[in-house]
Amino acid sequence: MRLALIQFNPTVGNIDANAQRMAGFIDRARSDGASLVVFPELALCGYPPRDLLLCEGFVPACVHAAKRLGERHTAGLTAVFGCPLHIDQERPHHGTANSLLVYADGRYLDYHDKRLLPTYDVFDEDRYFEPGDRAVVVRVGAWRVGLSVCEDLWKGEDAGFASRYAHDPDPVEALARAGMDLLVNPSASPFVLGKGARHRDILRRHATRHGVWVAAVNQVGGNDDLVFDGHAAIYDPRGRPAAFGPGFEESIVLADLPDAPGGTPEGGGEPADPLTTAPLPEQAFRALVLGTRDYVRKTGHARAIIGLSGGIDSAVTACIAVAALGRENITGVAMPGKYSSEGSIADARDLADRLGIRLLTVPIAPAFDGFRASLDPALHELGEQALGERLPDVAEQNLQSRARGTTLMALSNRTGALVLTTGNKSELAVGYCTLYGDMNGGLAVLADVTKRLVYDLARWMNANPRAAGFTRSPVPDASITKPPSAELAPDQRDQDTLPPYDVLDEIVARYVERHESPTRIIDETGFDEQTVRRVVRLIDANEYKRRQLATGIKITSVAFGTGRRRPIAQGWRST
């Protein structure tokens, strides 16, 4: 039996277009000789549909498209695909299920409702769905195929939430008791750096524990803040890999299983697994490129504008944008101010030349002087010092940043290009950013990328330019080697205000991603107590800024955004 797993990239809510593209994949799989075709979780509507599920007519539209797809496009094979279903058609608001539909040779065969509903991190499935309560095994030729959806198989083990399901029935155990020979698991599991090896271990364990074939296929593509990586996998009953899908791209992943369970599969060497062999900077690069490309494309944009400071963050953001959208669709804007160094301006030009993008130069001094002429009399009337009268002056620094943000937004409004912000996770964590200034924009590409990882991305791209899609090393050496600076004050350096980034990033990872207390961080790292407690205070105090941040692409276990829901006005102080 030839099995086809479809790494599919849907647009959330574009039901008819998704169905049309799915029909094309089924036709291609049929031409490849497939007997069983499996699409990801909720492929018809895209994942996560969020409150679209509550819109009148949305679920019926999905069901109508599913019926048309199944009846018209499954001749000669069996197709399994994800679709939301009302539990009670007579009472459509009584409940909805996250379901799989099975069609064989144009006939409806069966359905399966997802049994374990994740409600943690970015997931809200208890808000929208009712859990299933039965094990479903369908016949495909001589094979008994057990149906599961994402969390049914993972049980939170991949994300550290296994205890949530300690008292729930095991859906895979139930399928094994029902006599399955092949376990299929369509999923929409967001990409997280380092999660891949855990996924593979869980798949292997299911295969060997139950003595069955296991086939898992994940959604691919970017939907808002989430990136889905594909990376389909098939294991035989001994836990040996039969096929792996590529990462971060649509694909049909084929595997030839025996004609009947217990038979001998066709020979061949063990395939390489791109999920576990690619270095982390490469995986991060590909996730960010895909997330950027799909966010821009799926929101109806085609071009992007980026402020280029000559620093490492804007350089890496520009490289990702070029890889995602093409150099012809990227405009860089250099906005020198009174404290900008000649080296930074030269580095911005060097970057633009390496990437082959247009570079505009818009000095902010005239705009800043105009603001001063208007504001200084008002400040004097309030009994306050004039801007820049005494340094350091945070108001003066922020006003420069806001002049740059206003410039970028004006260019965006006139051209229709989307502004990509360049701030990284380390800076956003402690509020080293300016509301309505450098935070302006539609997509925060590096919002979940720590400063150390920004440097790792730059070095990986420079060491592997062709693998990253460039003809030569894209990031100027000076942008990597010079001390980072916002250049909003004389001789300013990030480390004048912040601890070293290796210290800051470790604190951010422990406090934000692992939810550790300051005391634990101090005890386990040996970092200076005053530094740790200051950083934690800054993280807590700047939640209001991050709440106004542009959508950021999530690539770690906890990103600033939908997966981290801290109150702004609150009195808890971690000890």
Protein backbone atom coordinates (compact mmCIF):
# COMPACT_ATOMS: atom_id res chain seq x y z
CA MET A 1 0.00 0.00 0.00
CA ARG A 2 1.34 3.38 -0.94
CA LEU A 3 0.72 6.03 1.70
CA ALA A 4 0.80 9.76 0.91
CA LEU A 5 1.15 12.33 3.68
CA ILE A 6 0.36 15.87 2.51
CA GLN A 7 2.28 18.70 4.15
CA PHE A 8 -0.36 21.32 3.38
CA ASN A 9 -0.25 25.10 3.85
CA PRO A 10 -3.82 26.40 4.25
CA THR A 11 -4.96 29.98 4.64
CA VAL A 12 -7.16 30.20 7.72
CA GLY A 13 -10.79 30.75 6.74
CA ASN A 14 -10.25 30.53 2.96
CA ILE A 15 -12.29 27.35 2.82
CA ASP A 16 -13.05 27.05 -0.89
CA ALA A 17 -9.49 27.89 -1.95
CA ASN A 18 -8.11 25.40 0.58
CA ALA A 19 -10.48 22.70 -0.72
CA GLN A 20 -9.48 23.41 -4.32
CA ARG A 21 -5.79 23.08 -3.50
CA MET A 22 -6.43 19.91 -1.49
CA ALA A 23 -8.15 18.41 -4.54
CA GLY A 24 -5.02 19.15 -6.54
CA PHE A 25 -2.85 17.35 -3.99
CA ILE A 26 -5.20 14.34 -4.05
CA ASP A 27 -4.92 14.21 -7.84
CA ARG A 28 -1.13 14.32 -7.63
CA ALA A 29 -1.08 11.60 -4.97
CA ARG A 30 -3.35 9.43 -7.12
CA SER A 31 -0.97 9.88 -10.04
CA ASP A 32 1.82 8.75 -7.72
CA GLY A 33 -0.10 5.55 -7.02
CA ALA A 34 -1.28 6.36 -3.49
CA SER A 35 -4.00 4.26 -1.87
CA LEU A 36 -4.31 6.36 1.29
CA VAL A 37 -3.92 10.16 1.39
CA VAL A 38 -3.72 11.99 4.74
CA PHE A 39 -3.94 15.76 5.27
CA PRO A 40 -3.20 17.72 8.50
CA GLU A 41 -5.57 18.64 11.31
CA LEU A 42 -8.34 21.09 10.28
CA ALA A 43 -6.78 21.33 6.83
CA LEU A 44 -10.01 22.60 5.25
CA CYS A 45 -10.27 25.72 7.40
CA GLY A 46 -6.66 26.07 8.52
CA TYR A 47 -5.35 26.02 12.08
CA PRO A 48 -5.95 27.84 14.35
CA PRO A 49 -9.34 29.19 13.19
CA ARG A 50 -9.93 30.72 16.64
CA ASP A 51 -13.19 32.70 16.88
CA LEU A 52 -14.07 32.08 13.24
CA LEU A 53 -15.52 28.87 14.65
CA LEU A 54 -18.10 31.00 16.46
CA CYS A 55 -19.20 32.84 13.30
CA GLU A 56 -22.60 31.85 11.98
CA GLY A 57 -22.21 29.73 8.85
CA PHE A 58 -18.48 29.00 9.23
CA VAL A 59 -18.68 25.35 10.27
CA PRO A 60 -21.50 24.56 7.76
CA ALA A 61 -19.34 26.07 5.00
CA CYS A 62 -16.50 23.75 6.04
CA VAL A 63 -18.83 20.73 6.01
CA HIS A 64 -20.22 21.64 2.59
CA ALA A 65 -16.71 21.96 1.14
CA ALA A 66 -15.67 18.69 2.78
CA LYS A 67 -18.63 16.83 1.25
CA ARG A 68 -17.87 18.22 -2.20
CA LEU A 69 -14.17 17.38 -1.86
CA GLY A 70 -14.78 13.86 -0.61
CA GLU A 71 -17.46 12.92 -3.09
CA ARG A 72 -15.83 14.41 -6.20
CA HIS A 73 -12.11 13.87 -5.69
CA THR A 74 -11.47 10.55 -3.92
CA ALA A 75 -12.03 8.12 -6.78
CA GLY A 76 -9.75 5.09 -6.47
CA LEU A 77 -8.31 5.96 -3.05
CA THR A 78 -9.08 6.82 0.58
CA ALA A 79 -8.60 10.35 1.88
CA VAL A 80 -8.42 11.52 5.50
CA PHE A 81 -8.62 15.25 6.21
CA GLY A 82 -9.39 17.62 9.07
CA CYS A 83 -12.64 19.58 9.29
CA PRO A 84 -14.69 21.10 12.16
CA LEU A 85 -18.07 19.39 12.66
CA HIS A 86 -21.11 20.34 14.69
CA ILE A 87 -21.81 17.56 17.17
CA ASP A 88 -25.56 18.06 16.83
CA GLN A 89 -26.67 19.39 13.46
CA GLU A 90 -30.08 20.28 14.89
CA ARG A 91 -28.43 22.41 17.60
CA PRO A 92 -25.33 23.86 15.87
CA HIS A 93 -24.22 25.94 18.86
CA HIS A 94 -24.47 23.00 21.25
CA GLY A 95 -20.93 21.94 20.42
CA THR A 96 -18.29 21.58 17.75
CA ALA A 97 -15.67 18.87 17.31
CA ASN A 98 -12.17 19.02 15.86
CA SER A 99 -12.70 16.13 13.47
CA LEU A 100 -11.24 13.96 10.76
CA LEU A 101 -13.41 12.89 7.84
CA VAL A 102 -12.74 9.75 5.82
CA TYR A 103 -13.91 9.37 2.22
CA ALA A 104 -13.19 6.31 0.08
CA ASP A 105 -13.82 6.17 -3.65
CA GLY A 106 -16.30 9.04 -3.48
CA ARG A 107 -18.21 7.68 -0.49
CA TYR A 108 -18.30 8.96 3.07
CA LEU A 109 -16.80 6.28 5.33
CA ASP A 110 -16.47 7.58 8.91
CA TYR A 111 -15.35 10.42 11.16
CA HIS A 112 -13.16 10.79 14.25
CA ASP A 113 -13.43 13.56 16.85
CA LYS A 114 -10.22 14.65 18.56
CA ARG A 115 -10.28 13.27 22.09
CA LEU A 116 -7.61 15.28 23.94
CA LEU A 117 -8.01 19.05 23.64
CA PRO A 118 -4.94 21.14 24.53
CA THR A 119 -5.60 24.31 26.51
CA TYR A 120 -2.21 25.73 27.39
CA ASP A 121 0.42 27.94 25.76
CA VAL A 122 -1.19 29.16 22.48
CA PHE A 123 -3.97 26.56 22.52
CA ASP A 124 -7.60 27.28 23.45
CA GLU A 125 -9.34 24.16 22.23
CA ASP A 126 -11.57 23.83 25.30
CA ARG A 127 -13.00 27.21 24.27
CA TYR A 128 -14.16 25.89 20.91
CA PHE A 129 -14.43 22.10 20.88
CA GLU A 130 -16.04 19.19 22.66
CA PRO A 131 -13.85 16.07 22.97
CA GLY A 132 -14.57 12.83 21.15
CA ASP A 133 -15.26 9.64 23.06
CA ARG A 134 -14.67 6.73 20.67
CA ALA A 135 -11.79 4.94 18.97
CA VAL A 136 -12.19 4.88 15.20
CA VAL A 137 -10.49 2.30 12.98
CA VAL A 138 -11.26 2.23 9.25
CA ARG A 139 -10.39 -0.32 6.56
CA VAL A 140 -8.09 0.58 3.68
CA GLY A 141 -7.58 -2.60 1.71
CA ALA A 142 -6.16 -5.17 4.11
CA TRP A 143 -5.09 -2.47 6.57
CA ARG A 144 -6.93 -1.36 9.71
CA VAL A 145 -6.11 2.32 10.08
CA GLY A 146 -6.47 3.98 13.50
CA LEU A 147 -7.37 7.66 13.51
CA SER A 148 -5.95 10.20 15.94
CA VAL A 149 -5.49 13.97 15.91
CA CYS A 150 -2.36 15.73 17.19
CA GLU A 151 -2.70 15.79 21.01
CA ASP A 152 -4.38 12.35 20.96
CA LEU A 153 -0.89 11.03 20.25
CA TRP A 154 1.34 13.58 22.04
CA LYS A 155 -0.65 13.78 25.30
CA GLY A 156 1.25 16.96 26.14
CA GLU A 157 4.55 15.07 26.44
CA ASP A 158 6.19 17.14 23.72
CA ALA A 159 5.41 20.40 25.52
CA GLY A 160 5.82 19.40 29.17
CA PHE A 161 2.10 19.14 29.95
CA ALA A 162 1.71 15.36 30.21
CA SER A 163 0.26 15.66 33.73
CA ARG A 164 -2.79 17.39 32.25
CA TYR A 165 -3.94 14.05 30.81
CA ALA A 166 -2.90 11.76 33.67
CA HIS A 167 -6.51 10.71 34.34
CA ASP A 168 -7.78 10.74 30.74
CA PRO A 169 -8.17 7.58 28.66
CA ASP A 170 -5.26 7.03 26.26
CA PRO A 171 -6.63 7.35 22.70
CA VAL A 172 -3.76 5.32 21.23
CA GLU A 173 -4.30 2.48 23.72
CA ALA A 174 -7.96 2.40 22.69
CA LEU A 175 -7.00 2.19 19.02
CA ALA A 176 -4.57 -0.65 19.76
CA ARG A 177 -7.34 -2.57 21.53
CA ALA A 178 -9.55 -1.98 18.49
CA GLY A 179 -6.97 -3.78 16.37
CA MET A 180 -5.28 -1.10 14.29
CA ASP A 181 -2.30 -1.96 12.07
CA LEU A 182 -1.45 1.64 11.12
CA LEU A 183 -1.80 4.72 13.33
CA VAL A 184 -2.20 7.99 11.43
CA ASN A 185 -1.86 11.31 13.20
CA PRO A 186 -2.74 14.50 11.32
CA SER A 187 -1.63 17.48 13.38
CA ALA A 188 -1.22 21.24 13.51
CA SER A 189 1.61 21.44 16.01
CA PRO A 190 3.43 24.80 16.06
CA PHE A 191 7.17 24.74 15.51
CA VAL A 192 9.33 25.20 18.61
CA LEU A 193 13.12 25.08 18.58
CA GLY A 194 14.29 21.82 20.14
CA LYS A 195 10.88 20.12 20.17
CA GLY A 196 11.54 17.91 17.14
CA ALA A 197 13.58 15.23 18.89
CA ARG A 198 10.84 14.77 21.50
CA HIS A 199 8.26 14.38 18.74
CA ARG A 200 10.29 11.69 17.03
CA ASP A 201 10.84 9.77 20.27
CA ILE A 202 7.10 9.73 20.96
CA LEU A 203 6.35 8.39 17.48
CA ARG A 204 8.94 5.63 17.82
CA ARG A 205 7.59 4.61 21.22
CA HIS A 206 4.06 4.26 19.89
CA ALA A 207 5.30 2.14 16.99
CA THR A 208 7.32 -0.28 19.12
CA ARG A 209 4.96 -0.41 22.08
CA HIS A 210 1.95 -1.34 19.97
CA GLY A 211 3.72 -3.11 17.12
CA VAL A 212 2.11 -0.91 14.47
CA TRP A 213 3.13 1.45 11.70
CA VAL A 214 2.90 5.12 12.70
CA ALA A 215 2.44 7.98 10.23
CA ALA A 216 2.33 11.62 11.38
CA VAL A 217 1.82 14.66 9.16
CA ASN A 218 1.92 18.25 10.37
CA GLN A 219 0.48 21.40 8.85
CA VAL A 220 3.06 23.64 7.20
CA GLY A 221 3.10 27.42 6.90
CA GLY A 222 2.71 30.57 8.95
CA ASN A 223 -0.63 31.62 10.44
CA ASP A 224 -0.39 34.89 12.38
CA ASP A 225 2.19 34.35 15.14
CA LEU A 226 2.52 30.59 14.66
CA VAL A 227 4.75 28.65 12.27
CA PHE A 228 4.07 25.02 11.33
CA ASP A 229 7.00 23.04 10.02
CA GLY A 230 5.67 19.97 8.18
CA HIS A 231 8.37 17.37 8.86
CA ALA A 232 6.09 14.36 8.30
CA ALA A 233 7.38 10.99 9.52
CA ILE A 234 6.57 7.30 9.08
CA TYR A 235 7.91 4.52 11.33
CA ASP A 236 7.57 0.74 11.01
CA PRO A 237 6.55 -1.52 13.94
CA ARG A 238 10.20 -1.86 15.01
CA GLY A 239 10.57 1.89 15.28
CA ARG A 240 12.65 2.18 12.13
CA PRO A 241 12.01 5.24 9.94
CA ALA A 242 10.44 4.61 6.54
CA ALA A 243 10.15 8.22 5.33
CA PHE A 244 10.62 11.80 6.47
CA GLY A 245 9.17 14.96 4.99
CA PRO A 246 11.12 18.17 4.40
CA GLY A 247 10.77 21.08 6.77
CA PHE A 248 8.96 24.37 6.18
CA GLU A 249 7.58 23.58 2.73
CA GLU A 250 4.59 21.91 1.15
CA SER A 251 5.27 18.36 0.05
CA ILE A 252 3.77 14.97 -0.71
CA VAL A 253 5.62 12.41 1.41
CA LEU A 254 5.27 8.89 0.01
CA ALA A 255 6.00 5.53 1.62
CA ASP A 256 5.38 2.00 0.37
CA LEU A 257 3.97 -0.18 3.11
CA PRO A 258 3.51 -3.94 2.64
CA ASP A 259 0.38 -4.99 0.76
CA ALA A 260 -0.92 -6.41 4.04
CA PRO A 261 0.04 -5.95 7.69
CA GLY A 262 2.89 -8.21 8.70
CA GLY A 263 4.35 -8.23 5.22
CA THR A 264 7.84 -7.08 4.36
CA PRO A 265 8.22 -3.47 3.21
CA GLU A 266 10.26 -2.63 0.16
CA GLY A 267 13.98 -2.33 0.87
CA GLY A 268 16.03 0.82 1.02
CA GLY A 269 18.38 2.62 3.32
CA GLU A 270 17.25 4.51 6.39
CA PRO A 271 16.27 8.05 5.39
CA ALA A 272 17.91 11.10 6.94
CA ASP A 273 15.71 13.20 9.21
CA PRO A 274 16.00 16.94 8.47
CA LEU A 275 14.22 17.77 11.73
CA THR A 276 16.95 16.31 13.91
CA THR A 277 20.01 16.87 11.71
CA ALA A 278 19.66 20.57 10.79
CA PRO A 279 21.44 22.95 13.22
CA LEU A 280 19.20 25.15 15.36
CA PRO A 281 20.15 28.44 13.62
CA GLU A 282 19.14 26.92 10.28
CA GLN A 283 15.81 25.75 11.69
CA ALA A 284 15.21 29.18 13.22
CA PHE A 285 16.08 30.85 9.91
CA ARG A 286 13.69 28.67 7.91
CA ALA A 287 10.90 29.13 10.46
CA LEU A 288 11.29 32.91 10.43
CA VAL A 289 11.44 33.06 6.64
CA LEU A 290 8.27 30.98 6.31
CA GLY A 291 6.49 32.93 9.04
CA THR A 292 7.40 36.25 7.41
CA ARG A 293 6.48 35.13 3.90
CA ASP A 294 3.08 33.77 4.90
CA TYR A 295 2.16 36.66 7.19
CA VAL A 296 2.88 39.17 4.44
CA ARG A 297 1.20 37.07 1.74
CA LYS A 298 -1.85 36.01 3.73
CA THR A 299 -2.58 39.56 4.90
CA GLY A 300 -2.67 40.74 1.29
CA HIS A 301 0.71 42.48 1.15
CA ALA A 302 3.59 41.89 -1.24
CA ARG A 303 6.32 44.30 -0.13
CA ALA A 304 8.03 45.33 3.08
CA ILE A 305 9.95 48.32 4.48
CA ILE A 306 12.66 48.02 7.11
CA GLY A 307 14.59 50.68 8.99
CA LEU A 308 18.30 49.89 8.59
CA SER A 309 20.52 51.18 11.39
CA GLY A 310 23.70 49.33 10.47
CA GLY A 311 23.21 47.12 13.51
CA ILE A 312 22.82 43.37 13.81
CA ASP A 313 19.05 43.25 14.41
CA SER A 314 18.02 45.24 11.35
CA ALA A 315 20.59 43.36 9.25
CA VAL A 316 19.21 39.93 10.21
CA THR A 317 15.61 41.15 9.76
CA ALA A 318 16.44 42.41 6.27
CA CYS A 319 18.09 39.11 5.34
CA ILE A 320 15.03 37.15 6.48
CA ALA A 321 12.76 39.53 4.56
CA VAL A 322 14.77 39.14 1.34
CA ALA A 323 14.76 35.35 1.68
CA ALA A 324 11.01 35.44 2.30
CA LEU A 325 9.82 37.99 -0.23
CA GLY A 326 12.60 38.56 -2.76
CA ARG A 327 15.01 41.49 -2.88
CA GLU A 328 12.84 43.39 -5.36
CA ASN A 329 10.09 43.62 -2.73
CA ILE A 330 12.23 45.02 0.11
CA THR A 331 13.08 48.66 0.75
CA GLY A 332 15.59 49.64 3.41
CA VAL A 333 15.46 53.07 5.02
CA ALA A 334 18.49 54.62 6.70
CA MET A 335 17.45 57.41 9.09
CA PRO A 336 20.61 59.03 10.47
CA GLY A 337 20.26 61.30 13.47
CA LYS A 338 22.54 63.60 15.45
CA TYR A 339 24.22 60.64 17.23
CA SER A 340 24.48 58.26 14.26
CA SER A 341 28.05 57.21 13.44
CA GLU A 342 29.48 57.23 9.95
CA GLY A 343 30.27 53.55 10.41
CA SER A 344 26.62 52.67 11.00
CA ILE A 345 25.51 54.52 7.87
CA ALA A 346 28.25 52.75 5.89
CA ASP A 347 27.17 49.38 7.33
CA ALA A 348 23.57 50.00 6.24
CA ARG A 349 24.79 50.74 2.70
CA ASP A 350 27.00 47.65 2.74
CA LEU A 351 24.04 45.49 3.80
CA ALA A 352 21.82 46.93 1.07
CA ASP A 353 24.53 46.26 -1.53
CA ARG A 354 25.00 42.67 -0.36
CA LEU A 355 21.26 42.01 -0.47
CA GLY A 356 20.62 43.96 -3.66
CA ILE A 357 17.81 46.02 -2.14
CA ARG A 358 16.89 49.67 -2.56
CA LEU A 359 18.13 51.94 0.24
CA LEU A 360 16.50 55.27 0.98
CA THR A 361 18.20 57.82 3.23
CA VAL A 362 15.85 60.03 5.23
CA PRO A 363 17.68 62.15 7.87
CA ILE A 364 15.57 62.70 10.99
CA ALA A 365 17.31 65.92 12.11
CA PRO A 366 14.79 68.28 10.42
CA ALA A 367 11.83 66.42 11.92
CA PHE A 368 13.48 66.30 15.35
CA ASP A 369 14.33 70.01 15.24
CA GLY A 370 10.71 70.74 14.35
CA PHE A 371 9.53 68.77 17.35
CA ARG A 372 11.99 70.63 19.58
CA ALA A 373 10.78 73.99 18.33
CA SER A 374 7.23 73.01 19.26
CA LEU A 375 7.94 71.14 22.50
CA ASP A 376 10.64 73.15 24.24
CA PRO A 377 8.38 76.17 24.94
CA ALA A 378 5.75 73.81 26.39
CA LEU A 379 8.38 72.09 28.54
CA HIS A 380 9.60 75.48 29.76
CA GLU A 381 6.03 76.43 30.68
CA LEU A 382 5.77 73.21 32.70
CA GLY A 383 9.00 74.01 34.49
CA GLU A 384 10.81 71.14 32.75
CA GLN A 385 14.20 71.16 31.03
CA ALA A 386 14.39 71.55 27.26
CA LEU A 387 15.06 68.45 25.21
CA GLY A 388 18.72 67.49 25.32
CA GLU A 389 19.59 70.19 27.84
CA ARG A 390 20.99 67.58 30.19
CA LEU A 391 22.11 64.09 29.11
CA PRO A 392 21.14 61.35 29.29
CA ASP A 393 17.63 62.44 28.34
CA VAL A 394 15.21 59.56 27.77
CA ALA A 395 12.57 61.89 26.33
CA GLU A 396 15.04 63.12 23.72
CA GLN A 397 16.10 59.56 22.89
CA ASN A 398 12.53 58.37 22.50
CA LEU A 399 11.60 61.33 20.34
CA GLN A 400 14.37 60.42 17.89
CA SER A 401 13.04 56.86 17.75
CA ARG A 402 9.50 58.13 17.21
CA ALA A 403 10.67 60.38 14.36
CA ARG A 404 12.03 57.22 12.71
CA GLY A 405 8.84 55.27 13.41
CA THR A 406 6.72 58.04 11.92
CA THR A 407 8.93 58.13 8.83
CA LEU A 408 8.56 54.40 8.25
CA MET A 409 4.79 54.50 8.73
CA ALA A 410 4.42 57.40 6.29
CA LEU A 411 6.36 55.47 3.66
CA SER A 412 4.22 52.41 4.39
CA ASN A 413 0.98 54.37 4.06
CA ARG A 414 2.02 55.82 0.73
CA THR A 415 3.46 52.65 -0.83
CA GLY A 416 1.35 49.92 0.76
CA ALA A 417 4.46 48.08 1.95
CA LEU A 418 4.35 46.48 5.41
CA VAL A 419 6.78 47.78 8.04
CA LEU A 420 8.83 45.01 9.65
CA THR A 421 10.03 45.88 13.14
CA THR A 422 13.51 44.80 14.16
CA GLY A 423 13.50 44.49 17.96
CA ASN A 424 14.65 41.19 19.49
CA LYS A 425 13.26 39.22 22.44
CA SER A 426 15.99 40.34 24.84
CA GLU A 427 15.23 44.03 24.29
CA LEU A 428 11.47 43.56 24.32
CA ALA A 429 11.71 41.62 27.58
CA VAL A 430 13.19 44.55 29.50
CA GLY A 431 11.51 47.38 27.60
CA TYR A 432 14.65 48.52 25.75
CA CYS A 433 12.41 49.76 22.94
CA THR A 434 10.20 52.76 22.21
CA LEU A 435 6.43 52.67 21.86
CA TYR A 436 5.37 54.38 18.61
CA GLY A 437 9.02 54.44 17.58
CA ASP A 438 11.12 51.38 16.78
CA MET A 439 8.11 49.24 17.83
CA ASN A 440 6.03 50.62 14.91
CA GLY A 441 5.11 48.10 12.26
CA GLY A 442 2.94 45.19 11.20
CA LEU A 443 5.20 42.22 11.99
CA ALA A 444 7.90 41.80 14.63
CA VAL A 445 10.17 39.29 12.92
CA LEU A 446 12.65 38.82 15.79
CA ALA A 447 10.24 39.19 18.72
CA ASP A 448 10.95 35.62 19.87
CA VAL A 449 14.67 35.64 19.02
CA THR A 450 17.13 36.43 21.80
CA LYS A 451 20.16 38.59 21.07
CA ARG A 452 22.50 35.61 21.17
CA LEU A 453 20.37 33.77 18.63
CA VAL A 454 20.35 36.89 16.42
CA TYR A 455 24.14 36.66 16.27
CA ASP A 456 23.94 32.89 15.66
CA LEU A 457 21.58 33.52 12.73
CA ALA A 458 23.95 36.10 11.24
CA ARG A 459 26.95 33.79 11.53
CA TRP A 460 25.02 30.83 10.08
CA MET A 461 23.86 32.86 7.08
CA ASN A 462 27.36 34.16 6.46
CA ALA A 463 28.84 30.66 6.70
CA ASN A 464 26.09 29.13 4.51
CA PRO A 465 24.98 31.86 2.11
CA ARG A 466 23.79 29.55 -0.65
CA ALA A 467 21.82 27.37 1.74
CA ALA A 468 20.14 30.57 2.94
CA GLY A 469 19.44 31.71 -0.64
CA PHE A 470 22.16 34.35 -1.04
CA THR A 471 25.03 34.57 -3.50
CA ARG A 472 27.50 35.77 -0.84
CA SER A 473 27.69 36.40 2.89
CA PRO A 474 24.80 38.80 3.50
CA VAL A 475 25.63 40.39 6.88
CA PRO A 476 28.49 42.93 7.04
CA ASP A 477 31.23 41.80 9.40
CA ALA A 478 31.11 45.15 11.18
CA SER A 479 27.45 44.62 12.10
CA ILE A 480 28.49 41.41 13.88
CA THR A 481 31.67 42.62 15.59
CA LYS A 482 30.84 46.13 16.77
CA PRO A 483 29.24 46.69 20.19
CA PRO A 484 25.45 47.00 19.81
CA SER A 485 24.06 50.50 20.27
CA ALA A 486 20.78 52.34 19.76
CA GLU A 487 22.83 55.47 18.90
CA LEU A 488 20.33 57.79 20.57
CA ALA A 489 22.90 59.45 22.84
CA PRO A 490 26.65 60.24 22.64
CA ASP A 491 28.85 57.10 22.64
CA GLN A 492 25.85 54.99 23.70
CA ARG A 493 26.22 51.21 24.11
CA ASP A 494 23.54 48.68 25.01
CA GLN A 495 25.69 47.43 27.87
CA ASP A 496 25.62 50.89 29.47
CA THR A 497 22.02 50.09 30.43
CA LEU A 498 21.71 46.31 30.14
CA PRO A 499 23.73 43.43 31.57
CA PRO A 500 25.83 41.40 29.09
CA TYR A 501 23.53 39.62 26.66
CA ASP A 502 24.69 36.14 27.69
CA VAL A 503 23.49 36.99 31.21
CA LEU A 504 20.33 38.80 30.12
CA ASP A 505 19.28 36.04 27.71
CA GLU A 506 19.71 33.34 30.34
CA ILE A 507 17.56 35.28 32.78
CA VAL A 508 14.89 35.85 30.10
CA ALA A 509 14.87 32.16 29.15
CA ARG A 510 14.50 31.06 32.76
CA TYR A 511 11.98 33.66 33.93
CA VAL A 512 9.83 33.94 30.79
CA GLU A 513 10.05 30.50 29.22
CA ARG A 514 10.57 28.26 32.27
CA HIS A 515 8.69 30.42 34.79
CA GLU A 516 11.52 30.19 37.33
CA SER A 517 11.68 32.49 40.36
CA PRO A 518 14.48 35.04 40.77
CA THR A 519 15.79 33.08 43.77
CA ARG A 520 16.12 29.90 41.73
CA ILE A 521 17.83 31.80 38.91
CA ILE A 522 20.34 33.33 41.33
CA ASP A 523 21.02 30.02 43.07
CA GLU A 524 21.46 27.97 39.88
CA THR A 525 23.39 30.47 37.75
CA GLY A 526 25.48 32.34 40.29
CA PHE A 527 24.50 35.63 38.64
CA ASP A 528 24.65 38.81 40.68
CA GLU A 529 21.46 39.04 42.77
CA GLN A 530 20.91 42.74 42.10
CA THR A 531 21.20 42.17 38.35
CA VAL A 532 18.73 39.27 38.32
CA ARG A 533 16.14 41.10 40.41
CA ARG A 534 16.49 44.25 38.32
CA VAL A 535 15.96 42.34 35.07
CA VAL A 536 12.91 40.56 36.49
CA ARG A 537 11.45 43.90 37.62
CA LEU A 538 11.99 45.30 34.13
CA ILE A 539 10.31 42.28 32.52
CA ASP A 540 7.26 42.68 34.77
CA ALA A 541 7.09 46.46 34.40
CA ASN A 542 7.16 46.44 30.59
CA GLU A 543 4.22 44.17 29.93
CA TYR A 544 2.24 47.22 28.81
CA LYS A 545 4.71 47.85 26.00
CA ARG A 546 4.64 44.26 24.77
CA ARG A 547 0.85 44.26 24.75
CA GLN A 548 1.10 46.91 22.01
CA LEU A 549 3.77 45.03 20.08
CA ALA A 550 3.16 44.02 16.48
CA THR A 551 2.44 40.35 15.88
CA GLY A 552 5.66 38.40 16.51
CA ILE A 553 6.69 35.04 15.06
CA LYS A 554 6.82 32.36 17.76
CA ILE A 555 9.74 29.88 17.66
CA THR A 556 10.36 29.11 21.35
CA SER A 557 8.28 27.40 24.01
CA VAL A 558 7.02 30.75 25.36
CA ALA A 559 6.88 33.86 23.20
CA PHE A 560 5.54 37.30 24.04
CA GLY A 561 2.02 37.14 22.65
CA THR A 562 -0.91 34.72 22.79
CA GLY A 563 1.01 32.09 24.77
CA ARG A 564 2.01 34.43 27.64
CA ARG A 565 -0.91 36.13 29.32
CA ARG A 566 0.40 38.27 32.15
CA PRO A 567 -1.79 41.06 33.53
CA ILE A 568 -0.51 44.60 33.08
CA ALA A 569 -1.94 46.12 36.25
CA GLN A 570 -0.92 43.65 38.95
CA GLY A 571 0.90 43.52 42.25
CA TRP A 572 2.61 40.13 42.28
CA ARG A 573 6.39 40.31 42.62
CA SER A 574 8.31 37.07 42.19
CA THR A 575 10.85 36.28 44.88
